[in-house]
Amino acid sequence: MRQSELFTRVERNAPKDEATVNAQLLHRAGFVDKLMSGVYSYLPLGLQVLRNIEQIVREEMNAIGGQEVLMPVLHPKSIWEKSGGWDRIDVLFKLESRTGKEYALGQSEEEVVTPLVMKRVQTYQDLPLAVYQIHWKFRDELRSKSGLLRGVEFFMKDMYSFHESQEDFDRFYGIVRKAYLKIFERAGLVAKATEASGGSFSEKISYEFMVLTDAGEDDILYCDVCEFCVNVTIAKQAVGSACPGCKQGKLHKARASEVGNVFDLGEKYAKDFDLTFVGRDKKKHHPVMGCYGVGVSRLMGVVVEKFHDEKGIIWPESVAPFRAHLLELGNASAKEVYDYLQTQGVEVLYDDRNASAGEKFVEADLIGIPWRLVVSEKTGGKVEVKHRTSKDAKLVTKEELVNAMKIQTKT
């Protein structure tokens, strides 16, 4: 992609109404544009990051047997009345058509997915079954803030599983848990599976996947030895107390941001819609359901909160909009290098603009693409290669570029 043709513009200053790092840097670097509080347009660079995260999530959900569907955003009032959500859920967007009919905008899909799946489930032999979608959600947040971390409109993966028993749900939860931790690891993050209350979805204990960040909205207690972690709001322990899990470590308090969750829905929604299957005992049973969410757009914001410096964003290679940023300086031409990288399958943003070297360097650091490649009169027919996290650069031939960028530098 030639940067001279890219639909984006780097801003010198952060918006005055944005306080969090992700909101400031994503706006300044031309990844998003704020329409109103909690609602953003994703520009080409931002959309590519979003799609990269989406694909990681899709691959891991497919790997554990999830089947992708796409469900409506607009829901009739009747299905939300059946579940009790119409009057119970305060963040539900409600609207009325010109014919007087009332609708809701989807903030979750239990009311849609339960009848959808159970139309196709007759006996226990049709279970377990898991379907998911990656789609936009809407919640009437009173305090939408923190950039992409808390929005009115957001991009989310939600999966729903159906089981013949609680034991089978518990088995599948263990599989999903590993898949979730792999998703966050692939995005460059370390997440902790944290016990929390079920909130408005379930009265049972749920699990939230938390990434430590000062921009988060939750406080957690975590063990410094094992994987025990609990949300402070339901914790029976205090900071510094012995870990109830391993009995060896101590509990520490930290600020964290939720990037995923799992809810044990039990039989609630199947009972609400009176949907059953024939069990092994030839009797009718309600399926046990689970709900599994990953905030795709939120994850994008959390990555920026975790990976940045005073110069700008530092994208992990797995989610970066491009792998390399090629800067053409002065009277030198980088087109030959650009063409070569394309033949090698390297995704590259080619800064061919008529701008000063200083401007190009500053903007490259702000945008945060992992590898910076420079062609100038000083490089003498070679290419200067530097990772975004490194202070050192080296000169290589264009044929050596691909190998030079195989070095995995941890952010």
Protein backbone atom coordinates (compact mmCIF):
# COMPACT_ATOMS: atom_id res chain seq x y z
CA MET A 1 0.00 0.00 0.00
CA ARG A 2 1.34 3.41 -0.96
CA GLN A 3 0.98 5.83 1.94
CA SER A 4 0.38 8.68 -0.50
CA GLU A 5 -2.89 6.93 -1.44
CA LEU A 6 -3.87 5.85 2.07
CA PHE A 7 -7.12 7.27 3.41
CA THR A 8 -5.76 8.50 6.72
CA ARG A 9 -4.08 11.49 8.28
CA VAL A 10 -1.80 11.67 11.27
CA GLU A 11 -2.80 14.29 13.84
CA ARG A 12 -0.24 16.21 15.89
CA ASN A 13 -2.41 16.51 18.99
CA ALA A 14 -4.72 14.16 20.85
CA PRO A 15 -8.44 15.02 21.12
CA LYS A 16 -9.18 17.09 24.19
CA ASP A 17 -12.08 14.86 25.23
CA GLU A 18 -10.05 11.62 25.19
CA ALA A 19 -8.17 10.71 28.38
CA THR A 20 -7.02 7.13 27.75
CA VAL A 21 -3.93 6.14 25.81
CA ASN A 22 -5.76 3.93 23.31
CA ALA A 23 -8.24 6.68 22.41
CA GLN A 24 -5.52 9.29 21.99
CA LEU A 25 -3.04 7.22 19.98
CA LEU A 26 -5.57 5.47 17.74
CA HIS A 27 -7.03 8.85 16.80
CA ARG A 28 -3.69 10.59 16.30
CA ALA A 29 -2.26 7.73 14.20
CA GLY A 30 -5.31 7.62 11.94
CA PHE A 31 -6.76 4.25 12.98
CA VAL A 32 -10.17 5.45 14.17
CA ASP A 33 -12.37 8.53 14.05
CA LYS A 34 -14.81 9.35 16.83
CA LEU A 35 -18.39 10.03 15.74
CA MET A 36 -19.75 10.45 19.26
CA SER A 37 -19.10 9.05 22.72
CA GLY A 38 -18.69 5.28 22.48
CA VAL A 39 -19.03 5.14 18.67
CA TYR A 40 -16.11 5.10 16.23
CA SER A 41 -15.41 4.78 12.51
CA TYR A 42 -12.57 2.37 11.73
CA LEU A 43 -10.29 3.80 9.04
CA PRO A 44 -8.23 1.49 6.75
CA LEU A 45 -5.37 0.95 9.22
CA GLY A 46 -7.77 0.40 12.12
CA LEU A 47 -10.02 -1.91 10.14
CA GLN A 48 -7.05 -4.08 9.18
CA VAL A 49 -6.06 -4.45 12.86
CA LEU A 50 -9.67 -5.29 13.71
CA ARG A 51 -9.77 -7.93 10.94
CA ASN A 52 -6.49 -9.45 12.11
CA ILE A 53 -7.82 -9.86 15.65
CA GLU A 54 -11.10 -11.18 14.26
CA GLN A 55 -9.26 -13.83 12.27
CA ILE A 56 -7.29 -15.00 15.30
CA VAL A 57 -10.55 -15.40 17.21
CA ARG A 58 -12.20 -17.19 14.27
CA GLU A 59 -9.34 -19.66 13.88
CA GLU A 60 -9.34 -20.60 17.56
CA MET A 61 -13.13 -20.98 17.72
CA ASN A 62 -13.10 -23.17 14.60
CA ALA A 63 -10.31 -25.25 16.14
CA ILE A 64 -12.52 -26.28 19.08
CA GLY A 65 -15.52 -27.12 16.91
CA GLY A 66 -17.39 -23.82 16.91
CA GLN A 67 -19.48 -23.19 13.80
CA GLU A 68 -19.79 -19.63 12.57
CA VAL A 69 -23.19 -18.05 11.92
CA LEU A 70 -24.44 -14.48 11.52
CA MET A 71 -27.53 -13.49 13.48
CA PRO A 72 -29.75 -10.40 13.24
CA VAL A 73 -28.98 -7.23 15.18
CA LEU A 74 -32.64 -6.16 15.17
CA HIS A 75 -34.80 -8.29 17.50
CA PRO A 76 -38.57 -8.34 18.06
CA LYS A 77 -39.74 -7.32 21.53
CA SER A 78 -41.54 -10.66 22.00
CA ILE A 79 -38.38 -12.76 22.39
CA TRP A 80 -36.98 -10.40 25.02
CA GLU A 81 -40.27 -10.56 26.91
CA LYS A 82 -40.04 -14.34 27.00
CA SER A 83 -36.64 -14.19 28.66
CA GLY A 84 -37.59 -11.31 30.95
CA GLY A 85 -34.82 -9.18 29.49
CA TRP A 86 -37.08 -6.47 28.10
CA ASP A 87 -37.74 -5.03 31.57
CA ARG A 88 -34.71 -6.43 33.40
CA ILE A 89 -31.73 -5.34 31.26
CA ASP A 90 -31.18 -1.61 31.60
CA VAL A 91 -28.58 -1.31 28.80
CA LEU A 92 -30.96 -2.67 26.17
CA PHE A 93 -31.59 -0.28 23.29
CA LYS A 94 -35.31 -0.18 22.47
CA LEU A 95 -36.96 1.38 19.44
CA GLU A 96 -40.38 1.61 17.83
CA SER A 97 -41.20 1.35 14.13
CA ARG A 98 -43.73 3.51 12.24
CA THR A 99 -46.21 0.64 12.56
CA GLY A 100 -46.01 0.79 16.35
CA LYS A 101 -44.04 -2.46 16.71
CA GLU A 102 -41.21 -2.48 19.26
CA TYR A 103 -37.74 -3.87 18.78
CA ALA A 104 -34.41 -4.23 20.57
CA LEU A 105 -30.88 -3.84 19.23
CA GLY A 106 -28.82 -6.90 20.08
CA GLN A 107 -26.58 -6.55 23.13
CA SER A 108 -26.36 -10.35 23.31
CA GLU A 109 -28.00 -13.16 21.35
CA GLU A 110 -29.38 -15.73 23.81
CA GLU A 111 -32.94 -14.89 22.82
CA VAL A 112 -32.14 -15.44 19.14
CA VAL A 113 -29.74 -18.37 19.29
CA THR A 114 -31.75 -20.60 21.63
CA PRO A 115 -34.76 -21.11 19.31
CA LEU A 116 -32.43 -21.09 16.28
CA VAL A 117 -30.35 -24.00 17.53
CA MET A 118 -33.12 -25.97 19.22
CA LYS A 119 -35.07 -26.13 15.95
CA ARG A 120 -32.26 -28.41 14.83
CA VAL A 121 -31.80 -30.46 18.02
CA GLN A 122 -34.12 -33.42 18.59
CA THR A 123 -32.16 -35.87 20.76
CA TYR A 124 -29.04 -36.05 22.92
CA GLN A 125 -27.23 -37.38 19.86
CA ASP A 126 -27.42 -33.87 18.36
CA LEU A 127 -25.44 -32.50 21.32
CA PRO A 128 -23.05 -30.94 22.18
CA LEU A 129 -23.25 -28.10 19.71
CA ALA A 130 -21.53 -24.71 19.64
CA VAL A 131 -22.24 -21.81 17.28
CA TYR A 132 -20.67 -18.37 17.26
CA GLN A 133 -20.74 -15.08 15.44
CA ILE A 134 -18.46 -12.04 15.18
CA HIS A 135 -20.77 -9.07 14.92
CA TRP A 136 -21.66 -5.61 16.18
CA LYS A 137 -23.36 -5.18 19.55
CA PHE A 138 -25.18 -2.22 21.10
CA ARG A 139 -25.48 -1.27 24.77
CA ASP A 140 -27.04 1.87 26.20
CA GLU A 141 -24.07 2.75 28.39
CA LEU A 142 -24.55 5.74 30.65
CA ARG A 143 -20.81 6.33 30.83
CA SER A 144 -19.22 5.22 27.57
CA LYS A 145 -15.56 6.11 27.96
CA SER A 146 -11.98 4.87 27.67
CA GLY A 147 -11.91 4.83 23.89
CA LEU A 148 -12.50 1.32 22.55
CA LEU A 149 -12.63 -0.18 26.05
CA ARG A 150 -16.20 0.87 26.84
CA GLY A 151 -18.45 1.59 23.90
CA VAL A 152 -22.08 1.98 22.96
CA GLU A 153 -21.39 0.17 19.68
CA PHE A 154 -18.67 -2.51 19.65
CA PHE A 155 -17.42 -5.53 17.71
CA MET A 156 -17.66 -8.84 19.57
CA LYS A 157 -17.40 -12.59 19.21
CA ASP A 158 -20.18 -14.39 21.06
CA MET A 159 -20.43 -18.17 21.09
CA TYR A 160 -23.22 -20.29 22.57
CA SER A 161 -22.90 -23.96 23.44
CA PHE A 162 -25.64 -26.53 24.13
CA HIS A 163 -25.10 -29.63 26.28
CA GLU A 164 -27.06 -32.58 27.59
CA SER A 165 -25.59 -32.22 31.09
CA GLN A 166 -23.78 -29.87 33.44
CA GLU A 167 -20.79 -32.20 33.33
CA ASP A 168 -20.49 -31.81 29.59
CA PHE A 169 -20.66 -28.02 29.88
CA ASP A 170 -17.86 -28.14 32.48
CA ARG A 171 -15.80 -30.26 30.09
CA PHE A 172 -16.31 -27.82 27.24
CA TYR A 173 -15.55 -24.82 29.46
CA GLY A 174 -12.06 -26.26 30.02
CA ILE A 175 -11.56 -26.45 26.26
CA VAL A 176 -12.78 -22.88 25.71
CA ARG A 177 -10.59 -21.60 28.51
CA LYS A 178 -7.46 -22.91 26.79
CA ALA A 179 -8.63 -21.50 23.46
CA TYR A 180 -9.22 -18.08 25.03
CA LEU A 181 -5.79 -17.97 26.62
CA LYS A 182 -4.33 -18.89 23.23
CA ILE A 183 -6.27 -16.08 21.52
CA PHE A 184 -4.90 -13.49 23.92
CA GLU A 185 -1.39 -14.94 23.70
CA ARG A 186 -1.50 -14.71 19.90
CA ALA A 187 -2.51 -11.06 20.25
CA GLY A 188 0.55 -10.48 22.41
CA LEU A 189 -1.30 -10.38 25.74
CA VAL A 190 -1.29 -12.37 28.97
CA ALA A 191 -4.79 -12.79 30.40
CA LYS A 192 -5.95 -14.20 33.71
CA ALA A 193 -9.13 -16.27 34.06
CA THR A 194 -10.92 -14.50 36.90
CA GLU A 195 -13.91 -15.57 38.98
CA ALA A 196 -16.77 -13.06 38.87
CA SER A 197 -20.50 -12.90 39.47
CA GLY A 198 -22.83 -13.80 36.60
CA GLY A 199 -24.27 -10.29 36.40
CA SER A 200 -27.45 -9.87 34.37
CA PHE A 201 -26.79 -13.04 32.38
CA SER A 202 -26.69 -15.66 35.12
CA GLU A 203 -26.90 -16.06 38.87
CA LYS A 204 -24.03 -18.54 38.75
CA ILE A 205 -20.32 -17.80 38.98
CA SER A 206 -18.89 -16.67 35.67
CA TYR A 207 -15.34 -16.25 34.44
CA GLU A 208 -13.81 -13.08 33.06
CA PHE A 209 -10.51 -12.99 31.22
CA MET A 210 -8.55 -10.00 32.45
CA VAL A 211 -5.46 -8.22 31.17
CA LEU A 212 -3.57 -6.06 33.66
CA THR A 213 -3.70 -2.41 32.61
CA ASP A 214 -4.10 0.91 34.41
CA ALA A 215 -6.86 1.79 31.93
CA GLY A 216 -9.01 -1.09 33.16
CA GLU A 217 -12.26 -0.73 35.07
CA ASP A 218 -11.95 -3.73 37.38
CA ASP A 219 -9.79 -4.56 40.39
CA ILE A 220 -8.61 -8.15 40.74
CA LEU A 221 -6.69 -10.20 43.26
CA TYR A 222 -4.20 -12.62 41.75
CA CYS A 223 -1.71 -15.12 43.11
CA ASP A 224 1.99 -14.62 42.47
CA VAL A 225 2.58 -18.37 42.28
CA CYS A 226 -0.43 -20.10 40.68
CA GLU A 227 -3.24 -19.10 38.33
CA PHE A 228 -5.78 -18.20 41.04
CA CYS A 229 -7.51 -14.91 40.28
CA VAL A 230 -10.75 -13.34 41.53
CA ASN A 231 -12.61 -10.08 40.99
CA VAL A 232 -12.37 -7.90 44.11
CA THR A 233 -16.16 -7.36 44.16
CA ILE A 234 -16.83 -10.99 45.15
CA ALA A 235 -13.52 -11.83 46.81
CA LYS A 236 -13.50 -13.31 50.31
CA GLN A 237 -9.76 -12.70 50.57
CA ALA A 238 -7.74 -9.53 51.11
CA VAL A 239 -4.55 -8.15 49.61
CA GLY A 240 -1.54 -9.97 51.02
CA SER A 241 -3.49 -12.98 52.26
CA ALA A 242 -2.49 -16.53 51.40
CA CYS A 243 -3.72 -17.89 48.09
CA PRO A 244 -6.70 -20.24 48.66
CA GLY A 245 -5.68 -22.17 45.57
CA CYS A 246 -2.05 -23.22 45.93
CA LYS A 247 -1.66 -22.23 49.64
CA GLN A 248 1.85 -20.99 48.81
CA GLY A 249 1.56 -17.64 47.08
CA LYS A 250 0.20 -14.30 48.24
CA LEU A 251 -2.60 -12.29 46.69
CA HIS A 252 -1.81 -9.02 44.91
CA LYS A 253 -4.23 -6.35 43.77
CA ALA A 254 -4.15 -4.94 40.25
CA ARG A 255 -6.24 -2.90 37.85
CA ALA A 256 -7.41 -4.90 34.84
CA SER A 257 -9.51 -4.75 31.70
CA GLU A 258 -11.91 -7.50 30.72
CA VAL A 259 -11.23 -8.92 27.24
CA GLY A 260 -13.41 -12.03 27.39
CA ASN A 261 -15.97 -13.86 29.51
CA VAL A 262 -17.78 -17.14 30.02
CA PHE A 263 -21.26 -17.48 31.50
CA ASP A 264 -22.85 -20.70 32.70
CA LEU A 265 -26.44 -20.08 31.60
CA GLY A 266 -27.76 -23.37 32.92
CA GLU A 267 -31.24 -24.24 31.60
CA LYS A 268 -32.66 -20.70 31.86
CA TYR A 269 -33.15 -19.83 28.19
CA ALA A 270 -34.30 -23.28 27.15
CA LYS A 271 -36.94 -23.07 29.89
CA ASP A 272 -37.92 -19.53 28.89
CA PHE A 273 -38.70 -20.76 25.37
CA ASP A 274 -39.87 -24.21 26.51
CA LEU A 275 -37.41 -26.02 24.26
CA THR A 276 -36.33 -29.59 24.99
CA PHE A 277 -34.55 -32.60 23.55
CA VAL A 278 -35.04 -36.33 24.10
CA GLY A 279 -32.39 -37.65 26.47
CA ARG A 280 -30.78 -41.04 26.90
CA ASP A 281 -33.61 -41.97 29.26
CA LYS A 282 -36.18 -41.26 26.48
CA LYS A 283 -37.50 -38.30 28.50
CA LYS A 284 -37.54 -34.62 27.56
CA HIS A 285 -34.81 -32.41 28.98
CA HIS A 286 -33.76 -28.79 28.74
CA PRO A 287 -30.21 -28.31 27.42
CA VAL A 288 -27.52 -26.71 29.58
CA MET A 289 -26.18 -23.63 27.82
CA GLY A 290 -22.97 -21.64 27.95
CA CYS A 291 -22.18 -18.17 26.58
CA TYR A 292 -18.64 -17.13 25.63
CA GLY A 293 -17.67 -13.57 24.64
CA VAL A 294 -14.53 -11.91 23.32
CA GLY A 295 -14.51 -8.16 22.78
CA VAL A 296 -12.72 -7.85 19.44
CA SER A 297 -12.72 -4.05 19.27
CA ARG A 298 -12.03 -3.83 23.01
CA LEU A 299 -9.07 -6.15 22.50
CA MET A 300 -7.69 -3.70 19.96
CA GLY A 301 -7.82 -0.94 22.56
CA VAL A 302 -6.23 -3.10 25.25
CA VAL A 303 -3.32 -3.99 22.93
CA VAL A 304 -2.60 -0.27 22.51
CA GLU A 305 -2.84 0.30 26.27
CA LYS A 306 -0.26 -2.45 26.83
CA PHE A 307 2.06 -1.75 23.91
CA HIS A 308 3.04 1.87 23.44
CA ASP A 309 5.76 4.31 24.40
CA GLU A 310 6.18 8.08 24.39
CA LYS A 311 6.47 8.00 20.57
CA GLY A 312 3.33 6.04 19.77
CA ILE A 313 1.85 2.57 19.29
CA ILE A 314 3.91 -0.65 19.21
CA TRP A 315 1.81 -3.27 17.41
CA PRO A 316 2.55 -6.98 17.93
CA GLU A 317 3.20 -8.54 14.52
CA SER A 318 0.15 -10.78 14.78
CA VAL A 319 -2.31 -7.87 14.73
CA ALA A 320 -0.33 -5.06 13.04
CA PRO A 321 -1.94 -3.50 9.93
CA PHE A 322 1.30 -4.13 8.00
CA ARG A 323 4.43 -6.04 8.85
CA ALA A 324 6.82 -3.42 7.50
CA HIS A 325 6.82 0.35 7.02
CA LEU A 326 9.08 1.33 4.10
CA LEU A 327 10.32 4.92 4.20
CA GLU A 328 11.67 6.57 1.08
CA LEU A 329 13.88 9.55 1.99
CA GLY A 330 15.29 12.40 -0.09
CA ASN A 331 15.98 11.70 -3.73
CA ALA A 332 16.35 7.94 -3.27
CA SER A 333 13.74 5.53 -4.66
CA ALA A 334 12.39 2.61 -2.62
CA LYS A 335 10.10 1.27 -5.35
CA GLU A 336 12.40 -1.63 -6.20
CA VAL A 337 12.42 -2.71 -2.57
CA TYR A 338 8.65 -2.26 -2.37
CA ASP A 339 8.07 -4.42 -5.44
CA TYR A 340 10.44 -7.09 -4.13
CA LEU A 341 8.71 -7.28 -0.73
CA GLN A 342 5.36 -7.73 -2.45
CA THR A 343 6.71 -10.69 -4.43
CA GLN A 344 7.82 -12.20 -1.12
CA GLY A 345 4.35 -11.84 0.40
CA VAL A 346 5.40 -9.19 2.94
CA GLU A 347 2.62 -6.74 3.83
CA VAL A 348 4.22 -3.32 3.56
CA LEU A 349 3.14 0.30 3.87
CA TYR A 350 5.28 2.32 1.44
CA ASP A 351 5.80 5.93 2.52
CA ASP A 352 6.35 7.50 -0.90
CA ARG A 353 5.07 10.93 0.14
CA ASN A 354 6.89 14.18 -0.49
CA ALA A 355 7.63 14.83 3.17
CA SER A 356 10.73 15.44 5.28
CA ALA A 357 12.70 12.61 6.85
CA GLY A 358 11.86 13.90 10.32
CA GLU A 359 8.14 13.90 9.60
CA LYS A 360 8.26 10.37 8.21
CA PHE A 361 10.22 9.01 11.20
CA VAL A 362 7.86 10.62 13.72
CA GLU A 363 4.76 9.33 11.97
CA ALA A 364 6.23 5.84 11.55
CA ASP A 365 6.83 5.62 15.30
CA LEU A 366 3.31 6.89 16.01
CA ILE A 367 1.65 4.36 13.68
CA GLY A 368 3.74 1.60 15.24
CA ILE A 369 4.20 -0.97 12.44
CA PRO A 370 6.70 -3.61 13.72
CA TRP A 371 9.54 -3.16 11.19
CA ARG A 372 10.84 0.13 9.82
CA LEU A 373 12.77 -0.04 6.55
CA VAL A 374 14.60 3.03 5.24
CA VAL A 375 15.97 3.68 1.76
CA SER A 376 17.99 6.87 1.35
CA GLU A 377 21.12 8.17 -0.31
CA LYS A 378 23.00 7.35 2.91
CA THR A 379 22.05 3.63 2.81
CA GLY A 380 24.13 3.21 -0.34
CA GLY A 381 21.96 0.78 -2.26
CA LYS A 382 21.06 -1.19 0.86
CA VAL A 383 18.11 -0.99 3.25
CA GLU A 384 18.22 0.09 6.89
CA VAL A 385 16.19 -2.30 9.06
CA LYS A 386 14.99 -1.54 12.60
CA HIS A 387 12.33 -3.10 14.82
CA ARG A 388 9.93 -0.67 16.49
CA THR A 389 11.17 -1.73 19.93
CA SER A 390 14.88 -1.58 19.10
CA LYS A 391 17.32 1.31 19.21
CA ASP A 392 19.70 -0.35 16.79
CA ALA A 393 19.41 -0.56 13.01
CA LYS A 394 21.40 -2.54 10.47
CA LEU A 395 22.00 -2.37 6.74
CA VAL A 396 21.07 -5.33 4.55
CA THR A 397 20.49 -6.00 0.88
CA LYS A 398 16.92 -6.26 -0.33
CA GLU A 399 17.38 -10.02 -0.71
CA GLU A 400 18.31 -10.25 2.99
CA LEU A 401 15.28 -8.29 4.17
CA VAL A 402 12.88 -11.18 4.71
CA ASN A 403 15.36 -13.10 6.87
CA ALA A 404 16.27 -9.93 8.75
CA MET A 405 12.60 -9.48 9.72
CA LYS A 406 12.25 -13.04 11.03
CA ILE A 407 13.85 -12.03 14.31
CA GLN A 408 11.10 -12.17 16.92
CA THR A 409 11.46 -9.18 19.23
CA LYS A 410 9.19 -9.22 22.28
CA THR A 411 7.39 -5.99 23.04
